[in-house]
Amino acid sequence: KPTSYRMGEELMANLKMFPSINRYKRKSVPVYNYRWGGITSGYNSSLYGDLKLQYYEKLDIAKSYDFLRSIRTTKIEMCNVLFSHLVQLMSFGYGREKAEMFLTEEINNGFVDEITDGVEYNPLRFHLLKEKRQVDLINLAEQESKKMKRKK
């Protein structure tokens, strides 16, 4: 296993490997297949935590290679991850109370300010997050959760 993460480990391994690669060869046959199932088909309690830690690693990598323009997209990605976590909580029966507690914690510890600071992005979920409109954000996550359930 290339990293200690359960989710997103291949991206982090690649980000650490790519600076050392002088040459690469493109293959015309698949060498990596993503399989749906296991930890990807249900609520994964380590997903958000892993992706939050990876957020900080990505920022460190961007800064170490003076690739600062990637910070905006890294922040946007984390905003989407946070919203997806809310949807996951609703989708897998953890309910509004758990989602509200999670969101309150991320607002109170300053993480929401960190990932929205200096970033403009159009989706409603981003504006609700940036403005810390918790009830509206939870309602939107609940709506998304219901859409997911109907698709199954």
Protein backbone atom coordinates (compact mmCIF):
# COMPACT_ATOMS: atom_id res chain seq x y z
CA LYS A 1 0.00 0.00 0.00
CA PRO A 2 1.64 3.28 -1.10
CA THR A 3 0.21 5.43 1.75
CA SER A 4 -1.58 5.00 5.05
CA TYR A 5 -4.86 6.28 3.59
CA ARG A 6 -7.84 4.05 2.92
CA MET A 7 -9.28 6.38 0.26
CA GLY A 8 -7.50 8.52 -2.33
CA GLU A 9 -4.21 6.79 -1.67
CA GLU A 10 -3.30 6.46 -5.35
CA LEU A 11 -3.48 10.21 -5.93
CA MET A 12 -1.24 10.95 -2.97
CA ALA A 13 1.26 8.29 -4.06
CA ASN A 14 1.29 9.81 -7.56
CA LEU A 15 1.79 13.35 -6.23
CA LYS A 16 4.80 12.13 -4.28
CA MET A 17 6.21 10.08 -7.17
CA PHE A 18 5.77 12.46 -10.12
CA PRO A 19 8.50 14.95 -9.13
CA SER A 20 11.05 12.11 -9.24
CA ILE A 21 10.08 10.82 -12.66
CA ASN A 22 12.26 11.87 -15.59
CA ARG A 23 10.45 9.84 -18.24
CA TYR A 24 7.21 7.99 -18.52
CA LYS A 25 5.55 5.80 -21.09
CA ARG A 26 1.88 5.87 -21.85
CA LYS A 27 0.16 2.48 -22.02
CA SER A 28 -2.72 1.80 -24.37
CA VAL A 29 -4.10 -0.93 -22.12
CA PRO A 30 -5.62 -0.34 -18.68
CA VAL A 31 -3.34 -1.16 -15.78
CA TYR A 32 -5.63 0.09 -13.04
CA ASN A 33 -9.29 -0.77 -12.67
CA TYR A 34 -11.61 0.91 -10.24
CA ARG A 35 -14.01 -1.52 -8.62
CA TRP A 36 -17.31 -0.37 -7.16
CA GLY A 37 -18.12 -2.10 -3.93
CA GLY A 38 -16.60 -2.65 -0.54
CA ILE A 39 -15.79 0.67 1.10
CA THR A 40 -17.06 2.65 -1.91
CA SER A 41 -20.65 1.40 -1.77
CA GLY A 42 -21.57 2.47 1.76
CA TYR A 43 -20.76 5.07 4.36
CA ASN A 44 -17.03 5.18 4.91
CA SER A 45 -16.12 6.70 8.26
CA SER A 46 -12.49 7.31 7.25
CA LEU A 47 -13.21 9.03 3.91
CA TYR A 48 -13.65 12.60 5.12
CA GLY A 49 -10.74 12.40 7.56
CA ASP A 50 -8.41 10.95 4.93
CA LEU A 51 -9.40 13.56 2.34
CA LYS A 52 -8.98 16.37 4.87
CA LEU A 53 -5.46 15.19 5.69
CA GLN A 54 -4.74 14.91 1.97
CA TYR A 55 -5.96 18.50 1.52
CA TYR A 56 -3.14 19.67 3.79
CA GLU A 57 -0.61 17.48 2.02
CA LYS A 58 -1.70 18.87 -1.36
CA LEU A 59 -1.24 22.42 -0.07
CA ASP A 60 2.25 21.55 1.18
CA ILE A 61 3.14 19.98 -2.18
CA ALA A 62 1.79 23.01 -4.08
CA LYS A 63 3.85 25.36 -1.91
CA SER A 64 7.01 23.26 -2.11
CA TYR A 65 6.88 23.32 -5.94
CA ASP A 66 5.72 26.95 -6.08
CA PHE A 67 2.55 25.80 -7.84
CA LEU A 68 0.29 28.18 -5.97
CA ARG A 69 -2.42 28.35 -8.63
CA SER A 70 -3.47 24.84 -7.58
CA ILE A 71 -4.45 26.07 -4.10
CA ARG A 72 -7.78 27.44 -5.38
CA THR A 73 -8.81 24.12 -6.92
CA THR A 74 -7.62 22.24 -3.84
CA LYS A 75 -9.86 24.43 -1.67
CA ILE A 76 -12.82 23.97 -4.03
CA GLU A 77 -12.27 20.22 -4.01
CA MET A 78 -12.35 20.23 -0.20
CA CYS A 79 -15.58 22.28 -0.19
CA ASN A 80 -17.11 19.62 -2.42
CA VAL A 81 -15.77 16.85 -0.18
CA LEU A 82 -17.30 18.51 2.88
CA PHE A 83 -20.68 18.84 1.17
CA SER A 84 -20.48 15.24 -0.08
CA HIS A 85 -19.83 14.13 3.48
CA LEU A 86 -23.04 15.85 4.56
CA VAL A 87 -24.92 14.03 1.79
CA GLN A 88 -23.33 10.73 2.83
CA LEU A 89 -24.40 11.26 6.44
CA MET A 90 -27.96 11.83 5.28
CA SER A 91 -27.93 9.00 2.74
CA PHE A 92 -26.74 6.35 5.15
CA GLY A 93 -29.10 7.09 8.00
CA TYR A 94 -27.00 9.27 10.29
CA GLY A 95 -29.59 12.04 10.05
CA ARG A 96 -29.77 15.79 10.40
CA GLU A 97 -28.48 15.93 13.96
CA LYS A 98 -25.19 14.18 13.11
CA ALA A 99 -24.82 16.31 9.95
CA GLU A 100 -25.46 19.50 11.95
CA MET A 101 -22.92 18.49 14.62
CA PHE A 102 -20.30 17.75 11.95
CA LEU A 103 -20.91 21.05 10.15
CA THR A 104 -20.90 23.06 13.38
CA GLU A 105 -17.56 21.52 14.32
CA GLU A 106 -15.99 22.34 10.95
CA ILE A 107 -17.26 25.93 11.20
CA ASN A 108 -16.12 26.37 14.81
CA ASN A 109 -12.64 24.97 14.20
CA GLY A 110 -12.13 27.46 11.34
CA PHE A 111 -11.89 24.89 8.56
CA VAL A 112 -14.87 26.27 6.61
CA ASP A 113 -13.27 29.73 6.64
CA GLU A 114 -9.97 28.23 5.52
CA ILE A 115 -11.37 26.37 2.50
CA THR A 116 -13.63 29.23 1.35
CA ASP A 117 -11.27 32.14 1.99
CA GLY A 118 -10.19 33.91 -1.18
CA VAL A 119 -12.23 31.59 -3.39
CA GLU A 120 -15.21 32.33 -5.59
CA TYR A 121 -17.15 29.42 -7.03
CA ASN A 122 -20.68 29.31 -8.46
CA PRO A 123 -22.56 26.32 -7.04
CA LEU A 124 -25.18 27.11 -4.41
CA ARG A 125 -23.59 24.66 -1.95
CA PHE A 126 -20.38 26.70 -2.04
CA HIS A 127 -22.16 29.99 -1.29
CA LEU A 128 -24.14 28.41 1.53
CA LEU A 129 -20.91 27.02 2.99
CA LYS A 130 -19.03 30.30 2.64
CA GLU A 131 -21.89 32.20 4.29
CA LYS A 132 -22.17 29.47 6.97
CA ARG A 133 -25.88 29.04 6.33
CA GLN A 134 -26.02 25.72 8.14
CA VAL A 135 -29.75 25.01 7.96
CA ASP A 136 -29.88 25.75 4.23
CA LEU A 137 -26.79 23.64 3.60
CA ILE A 138 -28.21 20.71 5.57
CA ASN A 139 -31.50 21.05 3.66
CA LEU A 140 -29.62 20.99 0.35
CA ALA A 141 -27.63 17.91 1.45
CA GLU A 142 -30.88 16.22 2.43
CA GLN A 143 -32.36 16.97 -1.01
CA GLU A 144 -29.26 15.54 -2.70
CA SER A 145 -29.49 12.46 -0.51
CA LYS A 146 -33.09 11.89 -1.58
CA LYS A 147 -32.09 12.22 -5.26
CA MET A 148 -29.40 9.57 -4.75
CA LYS A 149 -31.88 7.20 -3.14
CA ARG A 150 -34.32 7.59 -6.05
CA LYS A 151 -31.57 6.71 -8.56
CA LYS A 152 -30.85 3.37 -6.87
